[in-house]
Amino acid sequence: MLPEGFLRVIPMWAKCFGPAAWRWTWAPARRAIDTGLTPKQREAIQAELGGAPPEEIATRLGTNRNALYKLDYDARVRLKQAILAAGWSEAHVRLTLGGG
């Protein structure tokens, strides 16, 4: 289940096309979060998407900010790989996830 704050990261265009488009667009990302990450990676990514600051996430996970950065980086790599494997293009990933 995605955190409540996750809705703030949905691009405007996805909202315009309604719930079906949102589900289609985010299905690979959600699947990757639910099944493609370690439990710590999942907790860190969900907290980040929920708007928690890095210091709070690190405290929750019992780690420091540098270790959290590495954990987050590794999680993002896994997410990108899973999303690309689901058939998204690099451009779609950037557009949907806000990377430019």
C-alpha atoms as a PDB file:
ATOM      1  CA  MET A   1       0.000   0.000   0.000  1.00  0.00           C
ATOM      2  CA  LEU A   2       1.332   3.426  -0.904  1.00  0.00           C
ATOM      3  CA  PRO A   3       1.492   6.159   1.728  1.00  0.00           C
ATOM      4  CA  GLU A   4      -1.064   8.963   1.822  1.00  0.00           C
ATOM      5  CA  GLY A   5       1.478  11.607   0.771  1.00  0.00           C
ATOM      6  CA  PHE A   6       2.239   9.623  -2.381  1.00  0.00           C
ATOM      7  CA  LEU A   7      -0.628  11.377  -4.162  1.00  0.00           C
ATOM      8  CA  ARG A   8       1.321  14.630  -4.168  1.00  0.00           C
ATOM      9  CA  VAL A   9       3.881  13.203  -6.601  1.00  0.00           C
ATOM     10  CA  ILE A  10       1.373  12.275  -9.309  1.00  0.00           C
ATOM     11  CA  PRO A  11       1.928  14.403 -12.401  1.00  0.00           C
ATOM     12  CA  MET A  12      -0.928  16.703 -13.379  1.00  0.00           C
ATOM     13  CA  TRP A  13      -1.460  14.995 -16.713  1.00  0.00           C
ATOM     14  CA  ALA A  14      -2.113  11.653 -15.000  1.00  0.00           C
ATOM     15  CA  LYS A  15      -4.780  13.276 -12.819  1.00  0.00           C
ATOM     16  CA  CYS A  16      -6.436  14.752 -15.920  1.00  0.00           C
ATOM     17  CA  PHE A  17      -6.990  11.348 -17.492  1.00  0.00           C
ATOM     18  CA  GLY A  18      -8.670   9.841 -14.421  1.00  0.00           C
ATOM     19  CA  PRO A  19      -8.240   6.785 -12.212  1.00  0.00           C
ATOM     20  CA  ALA A  20      -7.794   4.239 -15.011  1.00  0.00           C
ATOM     21  CA  ALA A  21      -4.865   6.146 -16.506  1.00  0.00           C
ATOM     22  CA  TRP A  22      -3.376   6.641 -13.045  1.00  0.00           C
ATOM     23  CA  ARG A  23      -3.563   2.909 -12.292  1.00  0.00           C
ATOM     24  CA  TRP A  24      -2.021   2.012 -15.658  1.00  0.00           C
ATOM     25  CA  THR A  25       0.719   4.583 -15.295  1.00  0.00           C
ATOM     26  CA  TRP A  26       1.697   3.695 -11.738  1.00  0.00           C
ATOM     27  CA  ALA A  27       1.076  -0.073 -11.817  1.00  0.00           C
ATOM     28  CA  PRO A  28       4.686  -1.029 -12.699  1.00  0.00           C
ATOM     29  CA  ALA A  29       6.066   1.390 -10.102  1.00  0.00           C
ATOM     30  CA  ARG A  30       3.722   0.115  -7.433  1.00  0.00           C
ATOM     31  CA  ARG A  31       4.507  -3.514  -8.279  1.00  0.00           C
ATOM     32  CA  ALA A  32       8.227  -2.743  -8.139  1.00  0.00           C
ATOM     33  CA  ILE A  33       7.851  -1.051  -4.747  1.00  0.00           C
ATOM     34  CA  ASP A  34       5.756  -3.921  -3.382  1.00  0.00           C
ATOM     35  CA  THR A  35       7.849  -6.819  -4.705  1.00  0.00           C
ATOM     36  CA  GLY A  36      11.179  -5.589  -6.060  1.00  0.00           C
ATOM     37  CA  LEU A  37      12.685  -3.913  -3.015  1.00  0.00           C
ATOM     38  CA  THR A  38      14.094  -5.160   0.257  1.00  0.00           C
ATOM     39  CA  PRO A  39      11.920  -4.356   3.299  1.00  0.00           C
ATOM     40  CA  LYS A  40      14.261  -1.498   4.317  1.00  0.00           C
ATOM     41  CA  GLN A  41      14.322  -0.076   0.792  1.00  0.00           C
ATOM     42  CA  ARG A  42      10.528  -0.271   0.621  1.00  0.00           C
ATOM     43  CA  GLU A  43      10.137   1.502   3.958  1.00  0.00           C
ATOM     44  CA  ALA A  44      12.598   4.236   2.952  1.00  0.00           C
ATOM     45  CA  ILE A  45      10.992   4.851  -0.462  1.00  0.00           C
ATOM     46  CA  GLN A  46       7.464   4.884   0.964  1.00  0.00           C
ATOM     47  CA  ALA A  47       8.504   7.318   3.685  1.00  0.00           C
ATOM     48  CA  GLU A  48      10.205   9.533   1.098  1.00  0.00           C
ATOM     49  CA  LEU A  49       7.149   9.474  -1.167  1.00  0.00           C
ATOM     50  CA  GLY A  50       5.051  10.305   1.876  1.00  0.00           C
ATOM     51  CA  GLY A  51       7.077  13.467   2.395  1.00  0.00           C
ATOM     52  CA  ALA A  52       9.181  12.470   5.403  1.00  0.00           C
ATOM     53  CA  PRO A  53      12.506  14.317   5.666  1.00  0.00           C
ATOM     54  CA  PRO A  54      15.717  12.249   5.311  1.00  0.00           C
ATOM     55  CA  GLU A  55      16.692  12.728   8.966  1.00  0.00           C
ATOM     56  CA  GLU A  56      13.367  11.287  10.127  1.00  0.00           C
ATOM     57  CA  ILE A  57      13.610   8.340   7.733  1.00  0.00           C
ATOM     58  CA  ALA A  58      17.161   7.576   8.887  1.00  0.00           C
ATOM     59  CA  THR A  59      16.049   7.659  12.523  1.00  0.00           C
ATOM     60  CA  ARG A  60      13.089   5.360  11.796  1.00  0.00           C
ATOM     61  CA  LEU A  61      15.387   2.880  10.072  1.00  0.00           C
ATOM     62  CA  GLY A  62      18.051   3.093  12.762  1.00  0.00           C
ATOM     63  CA  THR A  63      20.695   4.340  10.362  1.00  0.00           C
ATOM     64  CA  ASN A  64      22.480   7.555   9.421  1.00  0.00           C
ATOM     65  CA  ARG A  65      21.875   9.919   6.528  1.00  0.00           C
ATOM     66  CA  ASN A  66      24.817   8.612   4.447  1.00  0.00           C
ATOM     67  CA  ALA A  67      23.644   5.003   4.729  1.00  0.00           C
ATOM     68  CA  LEU A  68      20.107   6.155   3.885  1.00  0.00           C
ATOM     69  CA  TYR A  69      21.417   7.875   0.743  1.00  0.00           C
ATOM     70  CA  LYS A  70      22.995   4.583  -0.408  1.00  0.00           C
ATOM     71  CA  LEU A  71      19.871   2.601   0.492  1.00  0.00           C
ATOM     72  CA  ASP A  72      17.713   5.086  -1.434  1.00  0.00           C
ATOM     73  CA  TYR A  73      20.061   5.044  -4.431  1.00  0.00           C
ATOM     74  CA  ASP A  74      19.998   1.227  -4.590  1.00  0.00           C
ATOM     75  CA  ALA A  75      16.189   1.247  -4.309  1.00  0.00           C
ATOM     76  CA  ARG A  76      15.864   3.769  -7.141  1.00  0.00           C
ATOM     77  CA  VAL A  77      18.121   1.655  -9.362  1.00  0.00           C
ATOM     78  CA  ARG A  78      15.938  -1.397  -8.696  1.00  0.00           C
ATOM     79  CA  LEU A  79      12.755   0.593  -9.343  1.00  0.00           C
ATOM     80  CA  LYS A  80      14.067   1.979 -12.615  1.00  0.00           C
ATOM     81  CA  GLN A  81      15.124  -1.494 -13.789  1.00  0.00           C
ATOM     82  CA  ALA A  82      11.714  -2.957 -12.930  1.00  0.00           C
ATOM     83  CA  ILE A  83       9.840  -0.124 -14.613  1.00  0.00           C
ATOM     84  CA  LEU A  84      11.948  -0.339 -17.774  1.00  0.00           C
ATOM     85  CA  ALA A  85      11.465  -4.135 -17.798  1.00  0.00           C
ATOM     86  CA  ALA A  86       7.698  -3.512 -17.703  1.00  0.00           C
ATOM     87  CA  GLY A  87       8.000  -1.766 -21.060  1.00  0.00           C
ATOM     88  CA  TRP A  88       8.314   1.904 -20.152  1.00  0.00           C
ATOM     89  CA  SER A  89      10.729   4.024 -22.160  1.00  0.00           C
ATOM     90  CA  GLU A  90      13.363   6.211 -20.512  1.00  0.00           C
ATOM     91  CA  ALA A  91      11.299   9.263 -21.540  1.00  0.00           C
ATOM     92  CA  HIS A  92       8.127   7.845 -19.958  1.00  0.00           C
ATOM     93  CA  VAL A  93      10.000   7.144 -16.730  1.00  0.00           C
ATOM     94  CA  ARG A  94      11.315  10.730 -16.616  1.00  0.00           C
ATOM     95  CA  LEU A  95       7.934  12.265 -17.492  1.00  0.00           C
ATOM     96  CA  THR A  96       5.974  10.168 -15.029  1.00  0.00           C
ATOM     97  CA  LEU A  97       8.429  10.229 -12.142  1.00  0.00           C
ATOM     98  CA  GLY A  98       9.307  13.875 -12.615  1.00  0.00           C
ATOM     99  CA  GLY A  99      12.926  13.469 -13.618  1.00  0.00           C
ATOM    100  CA  GLY A 100      12.833  16.060 -16.385  1.00  0.00           C
END
